[in-house]
């Protein structure tokens, strides 16, 4: 079973950060399980809040630099206007010295946001890696797959059938004789694909149903299975005539777009021109 850990991010730096963040989300899920609410959606929300709290010092530095930029820009622009069109070495040196003096006056530097961004970027990429491969980092979810995965690998045609699923498209370079590969595919499988597994292997229908029920309990959030894409949820809700779920399925992509727009609107406008 050690092959399962190949599903974790193995890239230099990002992989190490992902393992630390994976430990955090695993502890969050274990805590939720201890209080009777073992839910991936809630775990991801709490995980996101904790990560953003840990990055508050860096965010504060960025915001501080943005505020400083708003105050510095008129002076910087005045210097640029003063030396506009002057390309001789003496003028260029004077412009650089005067610009440095302005940054020194406000206690910052032209690269004031570089370090926070360099630190935040790999952290955010690692967050994505963890959320993308939840079973690789949350032990209880990982273990929920084993009964079905073991049976599929021991059943003639099981591995080949999993490889043929649409959700397996991004894993075609992997070895489908390994447990971790099957788990990765099943983690991305839609409800319809789970049903197709049970239909293809009737002898495993009870194991498929048991595994699906366990995972559905983990992945159900506001009545939606978060493994399914919003578009799949919309089609399923519309087909079933469940308009409440249809509204919820539409709400998630709309809220995602709105929060992205809002975050851009809240950024200090002068920061882009600094």
C-alpha atoms as a PDB file:
ATOM      1  CA  UNK A   1       0.000   0.000   0.000  1.00  0.00           C
ATOM      2  CA  UNK A   2       2.979   2.339   0.103  1.00  0.00           C
ATOM      3  CA  UNK A   3       2.428   3.076  -3.617  1.00  0.00           C
ATOM      4  CA  UNK A   4      -0.548   5.191  -2.584  1.00  0.00           C
ATOM      5  CA  UNK A   5       1.780   7.934  -1.464  1.00  0.00           C
ATOM      6  CA  UNK A   6       2.814   8.408  -5.090  1.00  0.00           C
ATOM      7  CA  UNK A   7      -0.504  10.287  -5.427  1.00  0.00           C
ATOM      8  CA  UNK A   8       0.919  13.038  -3.230  1.00  0.00           C
ATOM      9  CA  UNK A   9       2.661  15.937  -4.945  1.00  0.00           C
ATOM     10  CA  UNK A  10       6.337  15.009  -5.356  1.00  0.00           C
ATOM     11  CA  UNK A  11       7.666  18.252  -6.841  1.00  0.00           C
ATOM     12  CA  UNK A  12      10.581  19.991  -5.132  1.00  0.00           C
ATOM     13  CA  UNK A  13       9.410  22.529  -2.529  1.00  0.00           C
ATOM     14  CA  UNK A  14       5.753  22.240  -3.605  1.00  0.00           C
ATOM     15  CA  UNK A  15       5.650  18.610  -2.531  1.00  0.00           C
ATOM     16  CA  UNK A  16       7.100  19.433   0.889  1.00  0.00           C
ATOM     17  CA  UNK A  17       4.628  22.284   1.399  1.00  0.00           C
ATOM     18  CA  UNK A  18       1.777  20.042   0.222  1.00  0.00           C
ATOM     19  CA  UNK A  19       2.714  17.383   2.787  1.00  0.00           C
ATOM     20  CA  UNK A  20       2.614  19.967   5.586  1.00  0.00           C
ATOM     21  CA  UNK A  21      -0.731  21.292   4.382  1.00  0.00           C
ATOM     22  CA  UNK A  22      -1.932  17.719   3.897  1.00  0.00           C
ATOM     23  CA  UNK A  23      -1.154  16.995   7.542  1.00  0.00           C
ATOM     24  CA  UNK A  24      -3.220  20.051   8.528  1.00  0.00           C
ATOM     25  CA  UNK A  25      -6.285  19.045   6.496  1.00  0.00           C
ATOM     26  CA  UNK A  26      -5.982  15.471   7.796  1.00  0.00           C
ATOM     27  CA  UNK A  27      -6.094  16.744  11.387  1.00  0.00           C
ATOM     28  CA  UNK A  28      -9.083  18.936  10.537  1.00  0.00           C
ATOM     29  CA  UNK A  29     -10.945  15.978   9.051  1.00  0.00           C
ATOM     30  CA  UNK A  30     -10.095  13.768  12.039  1.00  0.00           C
ATOM     31  CA  UNK A  31     -11.457  16.450  14.363  1.00  0.00           C
ATOM     32  CA  UNK A  32     -14.666  16.745  12.335  1.00  0.00           C
ATOM     33  CA  UNK A  33     -14.995  12.967  12.390  1.00  0.00           C
ATOM     34  CA  UNK A  34     -14.592  12.953  16.184  1.00  0.00           C
ATOM     35  CA  UNK A  35     -17.550  15.343  16.532  1.00  0.00           C
ATOM     36  CA  UNK A  36     -19.680  13.438  14.012  1.00  0.00           C
ATOM     37  CA  UNK A  37     -19.400  15.727  10.976  1.00  0.00           C
ATOM     38  CA  UNK A  38     -16.758  14.062   8.795  1.00  0.00           C
ATOM     39  CA  UNK A  39     -17.310  16.158   5.671  1.00  0.00           C
ATOM     40  CA  UNK A  40     -14.797  17.079   2.975  1.00  0.00           C
ATOM     41  CA  UNK A  41     -16.582  20.323   2.103  1.00  0.00           C
ATOM     42  CA  UNK A  42     -16.447  21.609   5.675  1.00  0.00           C
ATOM     43  CA  UNK A  43     -12.845  20.403   6.025  1.00  0.00           C
ATOM     44  CA  UNK A  44     -11.816  22.326   2.895  1.00  0.00           C
ATOM     45  CA  UNK A  45     -13.530  25.496   4.161  1.00  0.00           C
ATOM     46  CA  UNK A  46     -11.766  25.282   7.539  1.00  0.00           C
ATOM     47  CA  UNK A  47      -8.507  24.356   5.815  1.00  0.00           C
ATOM     48  CA  UNK A  48      -8.760  27.406   3.533  1.00  0.00           C
ATOM     49  CA  UNK A  49      -9.465  29.706   6.484  1.00  0.00           C
ATOM     50  CA  UNK A  50      -6.452  28.367   8.394  1.00  0.00           C
ATOM     51  CA  UNK A  51      -4.144  28.738   5.374  1.00  0.00           C
ATOM     52  CA  UNK A  52      -5.260  32.319   4.801  1.00  0.00           C
ATOM     53  CA  UNK A  53      -4.798  33.076   8.498  1.00  0.00           C
ATOM     54  CA  UNK A  54      -1.241  31.740   8.293  1.00  0.00           C
ATOM     55  CA  UNK A  55      -0.603  34.040   5.332  1.00  0.00           C
ATOM     56  CA  UNK A  56      -2.013  37.154   7.019  1.00  0.00           C
ATOM     57  CA  UNK A  57       1.482  38.608   7.745  1.00  0.00           C
ATOM     58  CA  UNK A  58       2.390  38.356   4.062  1.00  0.00           C
ATOM     59  CA  UNK A  59      -0.969  39.745   2.980  1.00  0.00           C
ATOM     60  CA  UNK A  60      -0.521  42.626   5.404  1.00  0.00           C
ATOM     61  CA  UNK A  61       2.882  43.445   3.893  1.00  0.00           C
ATOM     62  CA  UNK A  62       1.365  43.470   0.414  1.00  0.00           C
ATOM     63  CA  UNK A  63      -1.472  45.729   1.483  1.00  0.00           C
ATOM     64  CA  UNK A  64       0.954  48.014   3.306  1.00  0.00           C
ATOM     65  CA  UNK A  65       3.070  48.330   0.172  1.00  0.00           C
ATOM     66  CA  UNK A  66      -0.059  49.056  -1.881  1.00  0.00           C
ATOM     67  CA  UNK A  67      -1.036  51.869   0.475  1.00  0.00           C
ATOM     68  CA  UNK A  68       2.505  53.239   0.332  1.00  0.00           C
ATOM     69  CA  UNK A  69       2.400  53.060  -3.446  1.00  0.00           C
ATOM     70  CA  UNK A  70      -0.665  55.275  -3.493  1.00  0.00           C
ATOM     71  CA  UNK A  71       1.263  57.900  -1.514  1.00  0.00           C
ATOM     72  CA  UNK A  72       4.544  57.474  -3.410  1.00  0.00           C
ATOM     73  CA  UNK A  73       3.183  57.427  -6.950  1.00  0.00           C
ATOM     74  CA  UNK A  74       2.775  61.210  -7.327  1.00  0.00           C
ATOM     75  CA  UNK A  75       6.391  61.726  -6.250  1.00  0.00           C
ATOM     76  CA  UNK A  76       7.686  58.909  -8.446  1.00  0.00           C
ATOM     77  CA  UNK A  77       5.726  60.237 -11.418  1.00  0.00           C
ATOM     78  CA  UNK A  78       7.058  63.747 -10.769  1.00  0.00           C
ATOM     79  CA  UNK A  79      10.636  62.408 -10.919  1.00  0.00           C
ATOM     80  CA  UNK A  80       9.896  60.512 -14.124  1.00  0.00           C
ATOM     81  CA  UNK A  81       8.372  63.659 -15.642  1.00  0.00           C
ATOM     82  CA  UNK A  82      11.399  65.719 -14.527  1.00  0.00           C
ATOM     83  CA  UNK A  83      13.818  63.470 -16.393  1.00  0.00           C
ATOM     84  CA  UNK A  84      11.556  62.603 -19.304  1.00  0.00           C
ATOM     85  CA  UNK A  85      13.501  62.498 -22.561  1.00  0.00           C
ATOM     86  CA  UNK A  86      16.888  62.706 -20.824  1.00  0.00           C
ATOM     87  CA  UNK A  87      18.910  59.645 -21.782  1.00  0.00           C
ATOM     88  CA  UNK A  88      22.403  60.761 -20.723  1.00  0.00           C
ATOM     89  CA  UNK A  89      24.106  58.736 -18.002  1.00  0.00           C
ATOM     90  CA  UNK A  90      24.225  61.582 -15.463  1.00  0.00           C
ATOM     91  CA  UNK A  91      20.466  62.199 -15.733  1.00  0.00           C
ATOM     92  CA  UNK A  92      19.697  58.474 -15.464  1.00  0.00           C
ATOM     93  CA  UNK A  93      21.829  58.178 -12.311  1.00  0.00           C
ATOM     94  CA  UNK A  94      20.157  61.243 -10.768  1.00  0.00           C
ATOM     95  CA  UNK A  95      16.693  59.836 -11.550  1.00  0.00           C
ATOM     96  CA  UNK A  96      17.598  56.498  -9.948  1.00  0.00           C
ATOM     97  CA  UNK A  97      19.028  58.225  -6.855  1.00  0.00           C
ATOM     98  CA  UNK A  98      15.952  60.434  -6.429  1.00  0.00           C
ATOM     99  CA  UNK A  99      13.649  57.452  -6.915  1.00  0.00           C
ATOM    100  CA  UNK A 100      15.580  55.448  -4.296  1.00  0.00           C
ATOM    101  CA  UNK A 101      15.306  58.413  -1.922  1.00  0.00           C
ATOM    102  CA  UNK A 102      11.511  58.377  -2.255  1.00  0.00           C
ATOM    103  CA  UNK A 103      11.380  54.642  -1.452  1.00  0.00           C
ATOM    104  CA  UNK A 104      13.719  55.193   1.518  1.00  0.00           C
ATOM    105  CA  UNK A 105      11.511  58.045   2.725  1.00  0.00           C
ATOM    106  CA  UNK A 106       8.543  55.671   2.946  1.00  0.00           C
ATOM    107  CA  UNK A 107      10.584  52.761   4.296  1.00  0.00           C
ATOM    108  CA  UNK A 108      10.035  50.419   1.388  1.00  0.00           C
ATOM    109  CA  UNK A 109      11.682  49.289  -1.863  1.00  0.00           C
ATOM    110  CA  UNK A 110      10.733  48.709  -5.518  1.00  0.00           C
ATOM    111  CA  UNK A 111      10.608  44.986  -4.758  1.00  0.00           C
ATOM    112  CA  UNK A 112       8.356  45.429  -1.711  1.00  0.00           C
ATOM    113  CA  UNK A 113       5.798  42.864  -2.883  1.00  0.00           C
ATOM    114  CA  UNK A 114       8.184  40.340  -4.458  1.00  0.00           C
ATOM    115  CA  UNK A 115       9.015  38.307  -1.345  1.00  0.00           C
ATOM    116  CA  UNK A 116       5.394  37.950  -0.148  1.00  0.00           C
ATOM    117  CA  UNK A 117       4.349  36.876  -3.629  1.00  0.00           C
ATOM    118  CA  UNK A 118       7.246  34.408  -3.917  1.00  0.00           C
ATOM    119  CA  UNK A 119       6.180  32.813  -0.637  1.00  0.00           C
ATOM    120  CA  UNK A 120       2.431  32.854  -1.299  1.00  0.00           C
ATOM    121  CA  UNK A 121       2.572  31.390  -4.803  1.00  0.00           C
ATOM    122  CA  UNK A 122       4.001  27.946  -3.885  1.00  0.00           C
ATOM    123  CA  UNK A 123       1.672  27.799  -0.861  1.00  0.00           C
ATOM    124  CA  UNK A 124      -1.390  28.441  -3.034  1.00  0.00           C
ATOM    125  CA  UNK A 125      -0.180  25.883  -5.600  1.00  0.00           C
ATOM    126  CA  UNK A 126       0.312  23.368  -2.784  1.00  0.00           C
ATOM    127  CA  UNK A 127      -3.213  24.071  -1.501  1.00  0.00           C
ATOM    128  CA  UNK A 128      -4.536  23.193  -4.964  1.00  0.00           C
ATOM    129  CA  UNK A 129      -2.433  20.008  -5.031  1.00  0.00           C
ATOM    130  CA  UNK A 130      -3.855  18.894  -1.669  1.00  0.00           C
ATOM    131  CA  UNK A 131      -7.480  19.629  -2.552  1.00  0.00           C
ATOM    132  CA  UNK A 132      -7.046  17.977  -5.960  1.00  0.00           C
ATOM    133  CA  UNK A 133      -5.792  14.713  -4.380  1.00  0.00           C
ATOM    134  CA  UNK A 134      -7.762  14.550  -1.130  1.00  0.00           C
ATOM    135  CA  UNK A 135      -7.415  10.735  -0.634  1.00  0.00           C
ATOM    136  CA  UNK A 136      -3.622  11.065  -0.683  1.00  0.00           C
ATOM    137  CA  UNK A 137      -3.697  13.359   2.349  1.00  0.00           C
ATOM    138  CA  UNK A 138      -6.772  12.381   4.398  1.00  0.00           C
ATOM    139  CA  UNK A 139      -6.250   8.908   5.851  1.00  0.00           C
ATOM    140  CA  UNK A 140      -9.899   8.034   6.531  1.00  0.00           C
ATOM    141  CA  UNK A 141     -10.924   8.827   2.963  1.00  0.00           C
ATOM    142  CA  UNK A 142      -7.963   6.884   1.612  1.00  0.00           C
ATOM    143  CA  UNK A 143      -8.905   3.808   3.632  1.00  0.00           C
ATOM    144  CA  UNK A 144     -12.533   3.958   2.452  1.00  0.00           C
ATOM    145  CA  UNK A 145     -11.404   3.036  -1.079  1.00  0.00           C
ATOM    146  CA  UNK A 146      -9.387  -0.082  -0.240  1.00  0.00           C
ATOM    147  CA  UNK A 147     -12.130  -2.774  -0.162  1.00  0.00           C
ATOM    148  CA  UNK A 148     -13.367  -1.817  -3.635  1.00  0.00           C
ATOM    149  CA  UNK A 149      -9.905  -1.193  -5.103  1.00  0.00           C
ATOM    150  CA  UNK A 150      -8.618  -4.569  -3.879  1.00  0.00           C
ATOM    151  CA  UNK A 151     -11.628  -6.351  -5.402  1.00  0.00           C
ATOM    152  CA  UNK A 152     -11.300  -4.483  -8.714  1.00  0.00           C
ATOM    153  CA  UNK A 153      -7.608  -5.404  -9.038  1.00  0.00           C
ATOM    154  CA  UNK A 154      -8.431  -9.052  -8.264  1.00  0.00           C
ATOM    155  CA  UNK A 155     -11.325  -9.152 -10.757  1.00  0.00           C
ATOM    156  CA  UNK A 156     -10.676  -9.986 -14.401  1.00  0.00           C
ATOM    157  CA  UNK A 157     -11.064  -6.839 -16.506  1.00  0.00           C
ATOM    158  CA  UNK A 158     -11.428  -4.585 -13.481  1.00  0.00           C
ATOM    159  CA  UNK A 159      -8.299  -2.560 -14.047  1.00  0.00           C
ATOM    160  CA  UNK A 160      -8.979  -2.227 -17.794  1.00  0.00           C
ATOM    161  CA  UNK A 161     -12.535  -1.030 -17.173  1.00  0.00           C
ATOM    162  CA  UNK A 162     -11.356   1.662 -14.754  1.00  0.00           C
ATOM    163  CA  UNK A 163      -8.769   2.773 -17.297  1.00  0.00           C
ATOM    164  CA  UNK A 164     -11.570   3.250 -19.818  1.00  0.00           C
ATOM    165  CA  UNK A 165     -13.557   5.653 -17.631  1.00  0.00           C
ATOM    166  CA  UNK A 166     -13.706   9.292 -18.676  1.00  0.00           C
ATOM    167  CA  UNK A 167     -12.293  10.315 -15.292  1.00  0.00           C
ATOM    168  CA  UNK A 168      -9.170   8.219 -16.068  1.00  0.00           C
ATOM    169  CA  UNK A 169      -8.203  10.396 -19.047  1.00  0.00           C
ATOM    170  CA  UNK A 170      -5.649  12.447 -17.094  1.00  0.00           C
ATOM    171  CA  UNK A 171      -4.040   9.330 -15.582  1.00  0.00           C
ATOM    172  CA  UNK A 172      -3.290   7.364 -18.772  1.00  0.00           C
ATOM    173  CA  UNK A 173       0.481   7.485 -18.214  1.00  0.00           C
ATOM    174  CA  UNK A 174       0.083   5.814 -14.815  1.00  0.00           C
ATOM    175  CA  UNK A 175       0.168   2.114 -13.999  1.00  0.00           C
ATOM    176  CA  UNK A 176      -3.421   0.868 -13.595  1.00  0.00           C
ATOM    177  CA  UNK A 177      -2.209  -2.214 -11.743  1.00  0.00           C
ATOM    178  CA  UNK A 178      -1.418  -0.005  -8.734  1.00  0.00           C
ATOM    179  CA  UNK A 179      -3.893   0.809  -5.990  1.00  0.00           C
ATOM    180  CA  UNK A 180      -3.036   4.500  -5.936  1.00  0.00           C
ATOM    181  CA  UNK A 181      -3.907   4.922  -9.635  1.00  0.00           C
ATOM    182  CA  UNK A 182      -7.310   3.281  -9.187  1.00  0.00           C
ATOM    183  CA  UNK A 183      -7.986   5.469  -6.148  1.00  0.00           C
ATOM    184  CA  UNK A 184      -7.054   8.610  -8.061  1.00  0.00           C
ATOM    185  CA  UNK A 185      -9.481   7.705 -10.848  1.00  0.00           C
ATOM    186  CA  UNK A 186     -12.293   6.788  -8.466  1.00  0.00           C
ATOM    187  CA  UNK A 187     -11.732  10.054  -6.628  1.00  0.00           C
ATOM    188  CA  UNK A 188     -12.577  11.900  -9.869  1.00  0.00           C
ATOM    189  CA  UNK A 189     -15.354   9.540 -10.987  1.00  0.00           C
ATOM    190  CA  UNK A 190     -18.882  10.919 -11.355  1.00  0.00           C
ATOM    191  CA  UNK A 191     -21.979   9.289  -9.892  1.00  0.00           C
ATOM    192  CA  UNK A 192     -22.774   7.852 -13.335  1.00  0.00           C
ATOM    193  CA  UNK A 193     -19.338   6.244 -13.551  1.00  0.00           C
ATOM    194  CA  UNK A 194     -19.787   4.626 -10.139  1.00  0.00           C
ATOM    195  CA  UNK A 195     -23.083   3.204 -11.362  1.00  0.00           C
ATOM    196  CA  UNK A 196     -21.370   1.871 -14.492  1.00  0.00           C
ATOM    197  CA  UNK A 197     -18.838  -0.016 -12.334  1.00  0.00           C
ATOM    198  CA  UNK A 198     -21.644  -1.729 -10.427  1.00  0.00           C
ATOM    199  CA  UNK A 199     -23.413  -2.574 -13.706  1.00  0.00           C
ATOM    200  CA  UNK A 200     -20.227  -3.999 -15.282  1.00  0.00           C
ATOM    201  CA  UNK A 201     -19.314  -6.118 -12.234  1.00  0.00           C
ATOM    202  CA  UNK A 202     -22.546  -7.326 -10.562  1.00  0.00           C
ATOM    203  CA  UNK A 203     -20.570  -9.462  -8.089  1.00  0.00           C
ATOM    204  CA  UNK A 204     -19.009  -6.246  -6.730  1.00  0.00           C
ATOM    205  CA  UNK A 205     -22.244  -4.255  -6.602  1.00  0.00           C
ATOM    206  CA  UNK A 206     -22.510  -4.489  -2.816  1.00  0.00           C
ATOM    207  CA  UNK A 207     -18.900  -3.332  -2.338  1.00  0.00           C
ATOM    208  CA  UNK A 208     -19.420  -0.520  -4.869  1.00  0.00           C
ATOM    209  CA  UNK A 209     -22.585   0.592  -3.093  1.00  0.00           C
ATOM    210  CA  UNK A 210     -20.958   0.450   0.350  1.00  0.00           C
ATOM    211  CA  UNK A 211     -17.904   2.416  -0.799  1.00  0.00           C
ATOM    212  CA  UNK A 212     -20.038   4.931  -2.680  1.00  0.00           C
ATOM    213  CA  UNK A 213     -22.294   5.478   0.330  1.00  0.00           C
ATOM    214  CA  UNK A 214     -19.307   6.052   2.613  1.00  0.00           C
ATOM    215  CA  UNK A 215     -17.673   8.481   0.211  1.00  0.00           C
ATOM    216  CA  UNK A 216     -20.974  10.231  -0.552  1.00  0.00           C
ATOM    217  CA  UNK A 217     -21.323  10.902   3.166  1.00  0.00           C
ATOM    218  CA  UNK A 218     -17.856  12.456   3.145  1.00  0.00           C
ATOM    219  CA  UNK A 219     -18.403  14.419  -0.092  1.00  0.00           C
ATOM    220  CA  UNK A 220     -22.005  15.584   0.321  1.00  0.00           C
ATOM    221  CA  UNK A 221     -22.175  19.350   0.864  1.00  0.00           C
ATOM    222  CA  UNK A 222     -25.496  21.218   0.884  1.00  0.00           C
ATOM    223  CA  UNK A 223     -27.076  18.261  -0.871  1.00  0.00           C
ATOM    224  CA  UNK A 224     -24.491  18.157  -3.672  1.00  0.00           C
ATOM    225  CA  UNK A 225     -21.708  15.645  -4.238  1.00  0.00           C
ATOM    226  CA  UNK A 226     -18.651  17.920  -4.506  1.00  0.00           C
ATOM    227  CA  UNK A 227     -16.806  15.307  -6.590  1.00  0.00           C
ATOM    228  CA  UNK A 228     -19.234  15.975  -9.442  1.00  0.00           C
ATOM    229  CA  UNK A 229     -18.633  19.064 -11.570  1.00  0.00           C
ATOM    230  CA  UNK A 230     -21.165  21.912 -11.288  1.00  0.00           C
ATOM    231  CA  UNK A 231     -22.318  21.189 -14.853  1.00  0.00           C
ATOM    232  CA  UNK A 232     -22.931  17.497 -14.002  1.00  0.00           C
ATOM    233  CA  UNK A 233     -24.864  18.522 -10.870  1.00  0.00           C
ATOM    234  CA  UNK A 234     -26.939  20.989 -12.904  1.00  0.00           C
ATOM    235  CA  UNK A 235     -27.856  18.331 -15.486  1.00  0.00           C
ATOM    236  CA  UNK A 236     -28.636  15.763 -12.781  1.00  0.00           C
ATOM    237  CA  UNK A 237     -30.780  18.185 -10.757  1.00  0.00           C
ATOM    238  CA  UNK A 238     -32.616  19.365 -13.884  1.00  0.00           C
ATOM    239  CA  UNK A 239     -33.224  15.787 -15.002  1.00  0.00           C
ATOM    240  CA  UNK A 240     -34.618  14.833 -11.585  1.00  0.00           C
ATOM    241  CA  UNK A 241     -36.744  17.966 -11.403  1.00  0.00           C
ATOM    242  CA  UNK A 242     -35.031  18.928  -8.138  1.00  0.00           C
ATOM    243  CA  UNK A 243     -35.030  22.689  -8.552  1.00  0.00           C
ATOM    244  CA  UNK A 244     -33.578  23.354  -5.099  1.00  0.00           C
ATOM    245  CA  UNK A 245     -30.446  21.371  -5.985  1.00  0.00           C
ATOM    246  CA  UNK A 246     -30.462  23.043  -9.396  1.00  0.00           C
ATOM    247  CA  UNK A 247     -30.309  26.457  -7.726  1.00  0.00           C
ATOM    248  CA  UNK A 248     -27.508  25.272  -5.430  1.00  0.00           C
ATOM    249  CA  UNK A 249     -25.560  23.818  -8.373  1.00  0.00           C
ATOM    250  CA  UNK A 250     -25.866  27.134 -10.227  1.00  0.00           C
ATOM    251  CA  UNK A 251     -24.966  29.094  -7.118  1.00  0.00           C
ATOM    252  CA  UNK A 252     -21.446  27.659  -6.690  1.00  0.00           C
ATOM    253  CA  UNK A 253     -19.913  28.757 -10.022  1.00  0.00           C
ATOM    254  CA  UNK A 254     -21.702  32.122  -9.733  1.00  0.00           C
ATOM    255  CA  UNK A 255     -20.334  32.658  -6.221  1.00  0.00           C
ATOM    256  CA  UNK A 256     -16.853  31.582  -7.354  1.00  0.00           C
ATOM    257  CA  UNK A 257     -16.917  34.152 -10.140  1.00  0.00           C
ATOM    258  CA  UNK A 258     -18.341  36.840  -7.855  1.00  0.00           C
ATOM    259  CA  UNK A 259     -15.706  36.332  -5.153  1.00  0.00           C
ATOM    260  CA  UNK A 260     -12.931  36.530  -7.776  1.00  0.00           C
ATOM    261  CA  UNK A 261     -14.408  39.770  -9.109  1.00  0.00           C
ATOM    262  CA  UNK A 262     -14.837  41.146  -5.576  1.00  0.00           C
ATOM    263  CA  UNK A 263     -11.250  40.341  -4.588  1.00  0.00           C
ATOM    264  CA  UNK A 264     -10.001  42.245  -7.645  1.00  0.00           C
ATOM    265  CA  UNK A 265     -12.249  45.196  -6.864  1.00  0.00           C
ATOM    266  CA  UNK A 266     -10.992  45.360  -3.282  1.00  0.00           C
ATOM    267  CA  UNK A 267      -7.352  45.547  -4.359  1.00  0.00           C
ATOM    268  CA  UNK A 268      -5.916  49.058  -4.096  1.00  0.00           C
ATOM    269  CA  UNK A 269      -6.135  50.508  -7.608  1.00  0.00           C
ATOM    270  CA  UNK A 270      -2.800  52.263  -7.375  1.00  0.00           C
ATOM    271  CA  UNK A 271      -0.936  49.014  -6.748  1.00  0.00           C
ATOM    272  CA  UNK A 272      -1.210  48.037 -10.407  1.00  0.00           C
ATOM    273  CA  UNK A 273       0.516  51.211 -11.511  1.00  0.00           C
ATOM    274  CA  UNK A 274       3.203  51.145  -8.851  1.00  0.00           C
END
